[in-house]
Amino acid sequence: ITGQAVESIEPGAVTIAGKRIAAGTIVWGAGVKASDAGRWLG
């Protein structure tokens, strides 16, 4: 499913385009951010 962002995640379900999808397992792989160690550098 492309072109549709996740609107919310709750225990055992995600909502996209206003539709709630129940699931046994939800895995996240939508993006990364740098380690918070960067804040120590000032």
PDB file of all heavy atoms in Angstrom:
ATOM      1  N   ILE A   1       0.860  -1.185   0.000  1.00  0.00           N
ATOM      2  CA  ILE A   1       0.000   0.000   0.000  1.00  0.00           C
ATOM      3  C   ILE A   1       0.893   1.230   0.000  1.00  0.00           C
ATOM      4  O   ILE A   1       1.653   1.459   0.944  1.00  0.00           O
ATOM      5  CB  ILE A   1      -0.917   0.023   1.243  1.00  0.00           C
ATOM      6  CG1 ILE A   1      -1.787  -1.244   1.279  1.00  0.00           C
ATOM      7  CG2 ILE A   1      -1.787   1.279   1.252  1.00  0.00           C
ATOM      8  CD1 ILE A   1      -2.591  -1.380   2.562  1.00  0.00           C
ATOM      9  N   THR A   2       0.852   2.034  -1.051  1.00  0.00           N
ATOM     10  CA  THR A   2       1.656   3.242  -1.140  1.00  0.00           C
ATOM     11  C   THR A   2       0.749   4.474  -1.150  1.00  0.00           C
ATOM     12  O   THR A   2      -0.440   4.390  -1.432  1.00  0.00           O
ATOM     13  CB  THR A   2       2.530   3.243  -2.403  1.00  0.00           C
ATOM     14  OG1 THR A   2       1.694   3.050  -3.558  1.00  0.00           O
ATOM     15  CG2 THR A   2       3.557   2.120  -2.351  1.00  0.00           C
ATOM     16  N   GLY A   3       1.357   5.619  -0.852  1.00  0.00           N
ATOM     17  CA  GLY A   3       0.609   6.867  -0.869  1.00  0.00           C
ATOM     18  C   GLY A   3      -0.344   7.051   0.290  1.00  0.00           C
ATOM     19  O   GLY A   3      -1.211   7.923   0.254  1.00  0.00           O
ATOM     20  N   GLN A   4      -0.188   6.260   1.343  1.00  0.00           N
ATOM     21  CA  GLN A   4      -1.065   6.372   2.506  1.00  0.00           C
ATOM     22  C   GLN A   4      -0.221   6.308   3.777  1.00  0.00           C
ATOM     23  O   GLN A   4       0.464   5.314   4.015  1.00  0.00           O
ATOM     24  CB  GLN A   4      -2.122   5.273   2.528  1.00  0.00           C
ATOM     25  CG  GLN A   4      -3.094   5.345   1.353  1.00  0.00           C
ATOM     26  CD  GLN A   4      -4.231   4.346   1.482  1.00  0.00           C
ATOM     27  OE1 GLN A   4      -4.635   3.990   2.579  1.00  0.00           O
ATOM     28  NE2 GLN A   4      -4.744   3.884   0.354  1.00  0.00           N
ATOM     29  N   ALA A   5      -0.278   7.372   4.558  1.00  0.00           N
ATOM     30  CA  ALA A   5       0.495   7.435   5.797  1.00  0.00           C
ATOM     31  C   ALA A   5      -0.289   6.838   6.952  1.00  0.00           C
ATOM     32  O   ALA A   5      -1.526   6.879   6.970  1.00  0.00           O
ATOM     33  CB  ALA A   5       0.856   8.884   6.116  1.00  0.00           C
ATOM     34  N   VAL A   6       0.419   6.280   7.908  1.00  0.00           N
ATOM     35  CA  VAL A   6      -0.215   5.779   9.122  1.00  0.00           C
ATOM     36  C   VAL A   6      -0.688   6.971   9.953  1.00  0.00           C
ATOM     37  O   VAL A   6       0.063   7.909  10.204  1.00  0.00           O
ATOM     38  CB  VAL A   6       0.773   4.919   9.933  1.00  0.00           C
ATOM     39  CG1 VAL A   6       0.206   4.594  11.305  1.00  0.00           C
ATOM     40  CG2 VAL A   6       1.109   3.646   9.176  1.00  0.00           C
ATOM     41  N   GLU A   7      -1.936   6.926  10.368  1.00  0.00           N
ATOM     42  CA  GLU A   7      -2.513   8.023  11.145  1.00  0.00           C
ATOM     43  C   GLU A   7      -2.408   7.780  12.647  1.00  0.00           C
ATOM     44  O   GLU A   7      -2.263   8.735  13.423  1.00  0.00           O
ATOM     45  CB  GLU A   7      -3.982   8.222  10.750  1.00  0.00           C
ATOM     46  CG  GLU A   7      -4.137   8.626   9.280  1.00  0.00           C
ATOM     47  CD  GLU A   7      -5.578   8.554   8.799  1.00  0.00           C
ATOM     48  OE1 GLU A   7      -6.447   8.097   9.571  1.00  0.00           O
ATOM     49  OE2 GLU A   7      -5.836   8.940   7.650  1.00  0.00           O
ATOM     50  N   SER A   8      -2.481   6.539  13.044  1.00  0.00           N
ATOM     51  CA  SER A   8      -2.342   6.218  14.463  1.00  0.00           C
ATOM     52  C   SER A   8      -1.985   4.750  14.615  1.00  0.00           C
ATOM     53  O   SER A   8      -2.247   3.936  13.726  1.00  0.00           O
ATOM     54  CB  SER A   8      -3.633   6.521  15.229  1.00  0.00           C
ATOM     55  OG  SER A   8      -4.671   5.644  14.837  1.00  0.00           O
ATOM     56  N   ILE A   9      -1.348   4.455  15.755  1.00  0.00           N
ATOM     57  CA  ILE A   9      -1.023   3.079  16.109  1.00  0.00           C
ATOM     58  C   ILE A   9      -1.433   2.865  17.559  1.00  0.00           C
ATOM     59  O   ILE A   9      -1.134   3.683  18.429  1.00  0.00           O
ATOM     60  CB  ILE A   9       0.469   2.770  15.933  1.00  0.00           C
ATOM     61  CG1 ILE A   9       0.903   2.992  14.481  1.00  0.00           C
ATOM     62  CG2 ILE A   9       0.777   1.334  16.351  1.00  0.00           C
ATOM     63  CD1 ILE A   9       2.376   2.731  14.237  1.00  0.00           C
ATOM     64  N   GLU A  10      -2.121   1.778  17.795  1.00  0.00           N
ATOM     65  CA  GLU A  10      -2.565   1.409  19.134  1.00  0.00           C
ATOM     66  C   GLU A  10      -2.219  -0.058  19.343  1.00  0.00           C
ATOM     67  O   GLU A  10      -1.757  -0.730  18.407  1.00  0.00           O
ATOM     68  CB  GLU A  10      -4.079   1.618  19.259  1.00  0.00           C
ATOM     69  CG  GLU A  10      -4.877   0.814  18.232  1.00  0.00           C
ATOM     70  CD  GLU A  10      -6.348   1.172  18.235  1.00  0.00           C
ATOM     71  OE1 GLU A  10      -7.050   0.651  19.118  1.00  0.00           O
ATOM     72  OE2 GLU A  10      -6.769   1.952  17.356  1.00  0.00           O
ATOM     73  N   PRO A  11      -2.407  -0.605  20.532  1.00  0.00           N
ATOM     74  CA  PRO A  11      -2.094  -2.026  20.729  1.00  0.00           C
ATOM     75  C   PRO A  11      -2.874  -2.910  19.756  1.00  0.00           C
ATOM     76  O   PRO A  11      -4.097  -2.932  19.763  1.00  0.00           O
ATOM     77  CB  PRO A  11      -2.528  -2.277  22.175  1.00  0.00           C
ATOM     78  CG  PRO A  11      -2.428  -0.953  22.836  1.00  0.00           C
ATOM     79  CD  PRO A  11      -2.824   0.050  21.788  1.00  0.00           C
ATOM     80  N   GLY A  12      -2.141  -3.573  18.859  1.00  0.00           N
ATOM     81  CA  GLY A  12      -2.779  -4.522  17.952  1.00  0.00           C
ATOM     82  C   GLY A  12      -3.509  -3.923  16.774  1.00  0.00           C
ATOM     83  O   GLY A  12      -4.288  -4.629  16.110  1.00  0.00           O
ATOM     84  N   ALA A  13      -3.268  -2.659  16.424  1.00  0.00           N
ATOM     85  CA  ALA A  13      -3.974  -2.077  15.276  1.00  0.00           C
ATOM     86  C   ALA A  13      -3.287  -0.813  14.785  1.00  0.00           C
ATOM     87  O   ALA A  13      -2.673  -0.073  15.554  1.00  0.00           O
ATOM     88  CB  ALA A  13      -5.426  -1.779  15.635  1.00  0.00           C
ATOM     89  N   VAL A  14      -3.397  -0.570  13.484  1.00  0.00           N
ATOM     90  CA  VAL A  14      -2.956   0.687  12.879  1.00  0.00           C
ATOM     91  C   VAL A  14      -4.133   1.283  12.125  1.00  0.00           C
ATOM     92  O   VAL A  14      -5.050   0.558  11.709  1.00  0.00           O
ATOM     93  CB  VAL A  14      -1.769   0.476  11.906  1.00  0.00           C
ATOM     94  CG1 VAL A  14      -0.585  -0.161  12.618  1.00  0.00           C
ATOM     95  CG2 VAL A  14      -2.188  -0.369  10.715  1.00  0.00           C
ATOM     96  N   THR A  15      -4.107   2.592  11.941  1.00  0.00           N
ATOM     97  CA  THR A  15      -5.155   3.261  11.178  1.00  0.00           C
ATOM     98  C   THR A  15      -4.523   4.006  10.021  1.00  0.00           C
ATOM     99  O   THR A  15      -3.600   4.807  10.203  1.00  0.00           O
ATOM    100  CB  THR A  15      -5.940   4.255  12.061  1.00  0.00           C
ATOM    101  OG1 THR A  15      -6.564   3.541  13.127  1.00  0.00           O
ATOM    102  CG2 THR A  15      -7.016   4.968  11.241  1.00  0.00           C
ATOM    103  N   ILE A  16      -5.008   3.732   8.804  1.00  0.00           N
ATOM    104  CA  ILE A  16      -4.566   4.460   7.613  1.00  0.00           C
ATOM    105  C   ILE A  16      -5.805   4.862   6.831  1.00  0.00           C
ATOM    106  O   ILE A  16      -6.748   4.080   6.694  1.00  0.00           O
ATOM    107  CB  ILE A  16      -3.623   3.618   6.725  1.00  0.00           C
ATOM    108  CG1 ILE A  16      -4.300   2.334   6.239  1.00  0.00           C
ATOM    109  CG2 ILE A  16      -2.331   3.292   7.447  1.00  0.00           C
ATOM    110  CD1 ILE A  16      -3.508   1.605   5.173  1.00  0.00           C
ATOM    111  N   ALA A  17      -5.795   6.099   6.332  1.00  0.00           N
ATOM    112  CA  ALA A  17      -6.918   6.627   5.552  1.00  0.00           C
ATOM    113  C   ALA A  17      -8.246   6.419   6.271  1.00  0.00           C
ATOM    114  O   ALA A  17      -9.256   6.089   5.652  1.00  0.00           O
ATOM    115  CB  ALA A  17      -6.949   5.977   4.169  1.00  0.00           C
ATOM    116  N   GLY A  18      -8.220   6.562   7.590  1.00  0.00           N
ATOM    117  CA  GLY A  18      -9.434   6.421   8.372  1.00  0.00           C
ATOM    118  C   GLY A  18      -9.884   4.996   8.602  1.00  0.00           C
ATOM    119  O   GLY A  18     -10.895   4.754   9.273  1.00  0.00           O
ATOM    120  N   LYS A  19      -9.111   4.032   8.098  1.00  0.00           N
ATOM    121  CA  LYS A  19      -9.479   2.621   8.247  1.00  0.00           C
ATOM    122  C   LYS A  19      -8.589   1.948   9.285  1.00  0.00           C
ATOM    123  O   LYS A  19      -7.368   2.007   9.198  1.00  0.00           O
ATOM    124  CB  LYS A  19      -9.357   1.893   6.912  1.00  0.00           C
ATOM    125  CG  LYS A  19      -9.729   0.426   6.987  1.00  0.00           C
ATOM    126  CD  LYS A  19      -9.558  -0.260   5.630  1.00  0.00           C
ATOM    127  CE  LYS A  19      -9.907  -1.743   5.713  1.00  0.00           C
ATOM    128  NZ  LYS A  19      -9.693  -2.433   4.405  1.00  0.00           N
ATOM    129  N   ARG A  20      -9.212   1.306  10.269  1.00  0.00           N
ATOM    130  CA  ARG A  20      -8.472   0.613  11.314  1.00  0.00           C
ATOM    131  C   ARG A  20      -8.177  -0.811  10.862  1.00  0.00           C
ATOM    132  O   ARG A  20      -9.071  -1.550  10.438  1.00  0.00           O
ATOM    133  CB  ARG A  20      -9.287   0.591  12.607  1.00  0.00           C
ATOM    134  CG  ARG A  20      -8.579  -0.041  13.805  1.00  0.00           C
ATOM    135  CD  ARG A  20      -9.468   0.041  15.039  1.00  0.00           C
ATOM    136  NE  ARG A  20      -8.805  -0.474  16.228  1.00  0.00           N
ATOM    137  CZ  ARG A  20      -8.805  -1.763  16.570  1.00  0.00           C
ATOM    138  NH1 ARG A  20      -9.432  -2.657  15.813  1.00  0.00           N
ATOM    139  NH2 ARG A  20      -8.190  -2.151  17.675  1.00  0.00           N
ATOM    140  N   ILE A  21      -6.907  -1.213  10.956  1.00  0.00           N
ATOM    141  CA  ILE A  21      -6.482  -2.553  10.558  1.00  0.00           C
ATOM    142  C   ILE A  21      -5.920  -3.262  11.787  1.00  0.00           C
ATOM    143  O   ILE A  21      -4.891  -2.851  12.336  1.00  0.00           O
ATOM    144  CB  ILE A  21      -5.416  -2.503   9.453  1.00  0.00           C
ATOM    145  CG1 ILE A  21      -5.944  -1.756   8.224  1.00  0.00           C
ATOM    146  CG2 ILE A  21      -4.976  -3.917   9.069  1.00  0.00           C
ATOM    147  CD1 ILE A  21      -4.878  -1.512   7.174  1.00  0.00           C
ATOM    148  N   ALA A  22      -6.595  -4.289  12.235  1.00  0.00           N
ATOM    149  CA  ALA A  22      -6.123  -5.070  13.383  1.00  0.00           C
ATOM    150  C   ALA A  22      -5.065  -6.061  12.923  1.00  0.00           C
ATOM    151  O   ALA A  22      -5.166  -6.634  11.827  1.00  0.00           O
ATOM    152  CB  ALA A  22      -7.287  -5.792  14.041  1.00  0.00           C
ATOM    153  N   ALA A  23      -4.050  -6.272  13.753  1.00  0.00           N
ATOM    154  CA  ALA A  23      -2.953  -7.162  13.364  1.00  0.00           C
ATOM    155  C   ALA A  23      -2.342  -7.825  14.584  1.00  0.00           C
ATOM    156  O   ALA A  23      -2.309  -7.258  15.677  1.00  0.00           O
ATOM    157  CB  ALA A  23      -1.879  -6.372  12.617  1.00  0.00           C
ATOM    158  N   GLY A  24      -1.842  -9.039  14.374  1.00  0.00           N
ATOM    159  CA  GLY A  24      -1.165  -9.756  15.446  1.00  0.00           C
ATOM    160  C   GLY A  24       0.200  -9.183  15.734  1.00  0.00           C
ATOM    161  O   GLY A  24       0.680  -9.201  16.874  1.00  0.00           O
ATOM    162  N   THR A  25       0.861  -8.649  14.688  1.00  0.00           N
ATOM    163  CA  THR A  25       2.190  -8.066  14.836  1.00  0.00           C
ATOM    164  C   THR A  25       2.288  -6.812  13.985  1.00  0.00           C
ATOM    165  O   THR A  25       1.838  -6.792  12.840  1.00  0.00           O
ATOM    166  CB  THR A  25       3.284  -9.056  14.389  1.00  0.00           C
ATOM    167  OG1 THR A  25       3.199 -10.250  15.173  1.00  0.00           O
ATOM    168  CG2 THR A  25       4.672  -8.448  14.568  1.00  0.00           C
ATOM    169  N   ILE A  26       2.888  -5.762  14.560  1.00  0.00           N
ATOM    170  CA  ILE A  26       3.144  -4.523  13.828  1.00  0.00           C
ATOM    171  C   ILE A  26       4.639  -4.246  13.914  1.00  0.00           C
ATOM    172  O   ILE A  26       5.217  -4.238  15.001  1.00  0.00           O
ATOM    173  CB  ILE A  26       2.359  -3.336  14.413  1.00  0.00           C
ATOM    174  CG1 ILE A  26       0.856  -3.641  14.442  1.00  0.00           C
ATOM    175  CG2 ILE A  26       2.612  -2.064  13.601  1.00  0.00           C
ATOM    176  CD1 ILE A  26       0.039  -2.630  15.217  1.00  0.00           C
ATOM    177  N   VAL A  27       5.265  -4.041  12.765  1.00  0.00           N
ATOM    178  CA  VAL A  27       6.710  -3.807  12.699  1.00  0.00           C
ATOM    179  C   VAL A  27       6.958  -2.420  12.119  1.00  0.00           C
ATOM    180  O   VAL A  27       6.342  -2.039  11.119  1.00  0.00           O
ATOM    181  CB  VAL A  27       7.412  -4.865  11.819  1.00  0.00           C
ATOM    182  CG1 VAL A  27       8.919  -4.611  11.787  1.00  0.00           C
ATOM    183  CG2 VAL A  27       7.125  -6.276  12.338  1.00  0.00           C
ATOM    184  N   TRP A  28       7.851  -1.672  12.730  1.00  0.00           N
ATOM    185  CA  TRP A  28       8.162  -0.317  12.275  1.00  0.00           C
ATOM    186  C   TRP A  28       9.483  -0.296  11.510  1.00  0.00           C
ATOM    187  O   TRP A  28      10.485  -0.831  11.961  1.00  0.00           O
ATOM    188  CB  TRP A  28       8.259   0.633  13.471  1.00  0.00           C
ATOM    189  CG  TRP A  28       8.441   2.071  13.077  1.00  0.00           C
ATOM    190  CD1 TRP A  28       9.616   2.745  12.946  1.00  0.00           C
ATOM    191  CD2 TRP A  28       7.407   3.007  12.762  1.00  0.00           C
ATOM    192  NE1 TRP A  28       9.388   4.034  12.572  1.00  0.00           N
ATOM    193  CE2 TRP A  28       8.035   4.235  12.452  1.00  0.00           C
ATOM    194  CE3 TRP A  28       6.005   2.927  12.719  1.00  0.00           C
ATOM    195  CZ2 TRP A  28       7.320   5.373  12.089  1.00  0.00           C
ATOM    196  CZ3 TRP A  28       5.297   4.066  12.366  1.00  0.00           C
ATOM    197  CH2 TRP A  28       5.945   5.270  12.060  1.00  0.00           C
ATOM    198  N   GLY A  29       9.458   0.350  10.348  1.00  0.00           N
ATOM    199  CA  GLY A  29      10.681   0.515   9.573  1.00  0.00           C
ATOM    200  C   GLY A  29      10.592   1.750   8.702  1.00  0.00           C
ATOM    201  O   GLY A  29      11.076   1.764   7.581  1.00  0.00           O
ATOM    202  N   ALA A  30       9.977   2.809   9.239  1.00  0.00           N
ATOM    203  CA  ALA A  30       9.606   3.960   8.417  1.00  0.00           C
ATOM    204  C   ALA A  30      10.638   5.073   8.360  1.00  0.00           C
ATOM    205  O   ALA A  30      10.430   6.055   7.667  1.00  0.00           O
ATOM    206  CB  ALA A  30       8.274   4.532   8.914  1.00  0.00           C
ATOM    207  N   GLY A  31      11.712   4.965   9.045  1.00  0.00           N
ATOM    208  CA  GLY A  31      12.707   6.031   8.982  1.00  0.00           C
ATOM    209  C   GLY A  31      13.615   6.022  10.184  1.00  0.00           C
ATOM    210  O   GLY A  31      13.265   5.487  11.233  1.00  0.00           O
ATOM    211  N   VAL A  32      14.794   6.616  10.023  1.00  0.00           N
ATOM    212  CA  VAL A  32      15.752   6.660  11.115  1.00  0.00           C
ATOM    213  C   VAL A  32      16.156   8.093  11.414  1.00  0.00           C
ATOM    214  O   VAL A  32      16.003   8.989  10.582  1.00  0.00           O
ATOM    215  CB  VAL A  32      17.019   5.832  10.798  1.00  0.00           C
ATOM    216  CG1 VAL A  32      16.678   4.369  10.629  1.00  0.00           C
ATOM    217  CG2 VAL A  32      17.708   6.370   9.549  1.00  0.00           C
ATOM    218  N   LYS A  33      16.649   8.288  12.605  1.00  0.00           N
ATOM    219  CA  LYS A  33      17.212   9.575  13.011  1.00  0.00           C
ATOM    220  C   LYS A  33      18.557   9.309  13.656  1.00  0.00           C
ATOM    221  O   LYS A  33      18.812   8.220  14.180  1.00  0.00           O
ATOM    222  CB  LYS A  33      16.277  10.290  13.993  1.00  0.00           C
ATOM    223  CG  LYS A  33      16.063   9.529  15.294  1.00  0.00           C
ATOM    224  CD  LYS A  33      15.160  10.304  16.242  1.00  0.00           C
ATOM    225  CE  LYS A  33      14.946   9.518  17.546  1.00  0.00           C
ATOM    226  NZ  LYS A  33      14.083  10.253  18.499  1.00  0.00           N
ATOM    227  N   ALA A  34      19.420  10.293  13.607  1.00  0.00           N
ATOM    228  CA  ALA A  34      20.746  10.134  14.199  1.00  0.00           C
ATOM    229  C   ALA A  34      20.646   9.941  15.697  1.00  0.00           C
ATOM    230  O   ALA A  34      19.698  10.395  16.347  1.00  0.00           O
ATOM    231  CB  ALA A  34      21.606  11.353  13.877  1.00  0.00           C
ATOM    232  N   SER A  35      21.625   9.259  16.248  1.00  0.00           N
ATOM    233  CA  SER A  35      21.684   9.049  17.694  1.00  0.00           C
ATOM    234  C   SER A  35      21.620  10.382  18.442  1.00  0.00           C
ATOM    235  O   SER A  35      22.134  11.406  17.981  1.00  0.00           O
ATOM    236  CB  SER A  35      22.987   8.329  18.051  1.00  0.00           C
ATOM    237  OG  SER A  35      23.257   8.409  19.428  1.00  0.00           O
ATOM    238  N   ASP A  36      21.009  10.346  19.606  1.00  0.00           N
ATOM    239  CA  ASP A  36      20.937  11.541  20.440  1.00  0.00           C
ATOM    240  C   ASP A  36      22.300  11.981  20.954  1.00  0.00           C
ATOM    241  O   ASP A  36      22.417  13.042  21.581  1.00  0.00           O
ATOM    242  CB  ASP A  36      19.994  11.293  21.628  1.00  0.00           C
ATOM    243  CG  ASP A  36      18.540  11.287  21.221  1.00  0.00           C
ATOM    244  OD1 ASP A  36      18.232  11.837  20.142  1.00  0.00           O
ATOM    245  OD2 ASP A  36      17.703  10.745  21.971  1.00  0.00           O
ATOM    246  N   ALA A  37      23.320  11.189  20.687  1.00  0.00           N
ATOM    247  CA  ALA A  37      24.668  11.570  21.110  1.00  0.00           C
ATOM    248  C   ALA A  37      25.077  12.907  20.500  1.00  0.00           C
ATOM    249  O   ALA A  37      25.931  13.613  21.058  1.00  0.00           O
ATOM    250  CB  ALA A  37      25.672  10.489  20.714  1.00  0.00           C
ATOM    251  N   GLY A  38      24.459  13.270  19.395  1.00  0.00           N
ATOM    252  CA  GLY A  38      24.791  14.530  18.751  1.00  0.00           C
ATOM    253  C   GLY A  38      24.528  15.742  19.616  1.00  0.00           C
ATOM    254  O   GLY A  38      25.192  16.783  19.481  1.00  0.00           O
ATOM    255  N   ARG A  39      23.587  15.621  20.547  1.00  0.00           N
ATOM    256  CA  ARG A  39      23.260  16.777  21.402  1.00  0.00           C
ATOM    257  C   ARG A  39      24.383  17.101  22.380  1.00  0.00           C
ATOM    258  O   ARG A  39      24.463  18.222  22.885  1.00  0.00           O
ATOM    259  CB  ARG A  39      21.950  16.518  22.151  1.00  0.00           C
ATOM    260  CG  ARG A  39      21.973  15.329  23.081  1.00  0.00           C
ATOM    261  CD  ARG A  39      20.590  15.066  23.690  1.00  0.00           C
ATOM    262  NE  ARG A  39      20.533  13.804  24.395  1.00  0.00           N
ATOM    263  CZ  ARG A  39      20.982  13.600  25.629  1.00  0.00           C
ATOM    264  NH1 ARG A  39      21.492  14.613  26.306  1.00  0.00           N
ATOM    265  NH2 ARG A  39      20.894  12.412  26.194  1.00  0.00           N
ATOM    266  N   TRP A  40      25.260  16.125  22.659  1.00  0.00           N
ATOM    267  CA  TRP A  40      26.367  16.378  23.581  1.00  0.00           C
ATOM    268  C   TRP A  40      27.429  17.292  22.976  1.00  0.00           C
ATOM    269  O   TRP A  40      28.239  17.867  23.689  1.00  0.00           O
ATOM    270  CB  TRP A  40      27.047  15.072  23.982  1.00  0.00           C
ATOM    271  CG  TRP A  40      26.164  14.092  24.672  1.00  0.00           C
ATOM    272  CD1 TRP A  40      25.124  14.367  25.516  1.00  0.00           C
ATOM    273  CD2 TRP A  40      26.249  12.661  24.595  1.00  0.00           C
ATOM    274  NE1 TRP A  40      24.560  13.198  25.958  1.00  0.00           N
ATOM    275  CE2 TRP A  40      25.224  12.138  25.410  1.00  0.00           C
ATOM    276  CE3 TRP A  40      27.086  11.792  23.917  1.00  0.00           C
ATOM    277  CZ2 TRP A  40      25.017  10.770  25.562  1.00  0.00           C
ATOM    278  CZ3 TRP A  40      26.893  10.423  24.071  1.00  0.00           C
ATOM    279  CH2 TRP A  40      25.867   9.930  24.890  1.00  0.00           C
ATOM    280  N   LEU A  41      27.415  17.399  21.657  1.00  0.00           N
ATOM    281  CA  LEU A  41      28.496  18.115  20.987  1.00  0.00           C
ATOM    282  C   LEU A  41      28.319  19.626  21.017  1.00  0.00           C
ATOM    283  O   LEU A  41      29.279  20.369  20.807  1.00  0.00           O
ATOM    284  CB  LEU A  41      28.608  17.634  19.535  1.00  0.00           C
ATOM    285  CG  LEU A  41      28.771  16.123  19.349  1.00  0.00           C
ATOM    286  CD1 LEU A  41      28.851  15.773  17.874  1.00  0.00           C
ATOM    287  CD2 LEU A  41      30.011  15.631  20.079  1.00  0.00           C
ATOM    288  N   GLY A  42      27.098  20.068  21.230  1.00  0.00           N
ATOM    289  CA  GLY A  42      26.854  21.504  21.279  1.00  0.00           C
ATOM    290  C   GLY A  42      27.059  22.195  19.950  1.00  0.00           C
ATOM    291  O   GLY A  42      27.484  23.353  19.898  1.00  0.00           O
TER     292      GLY A  42
END
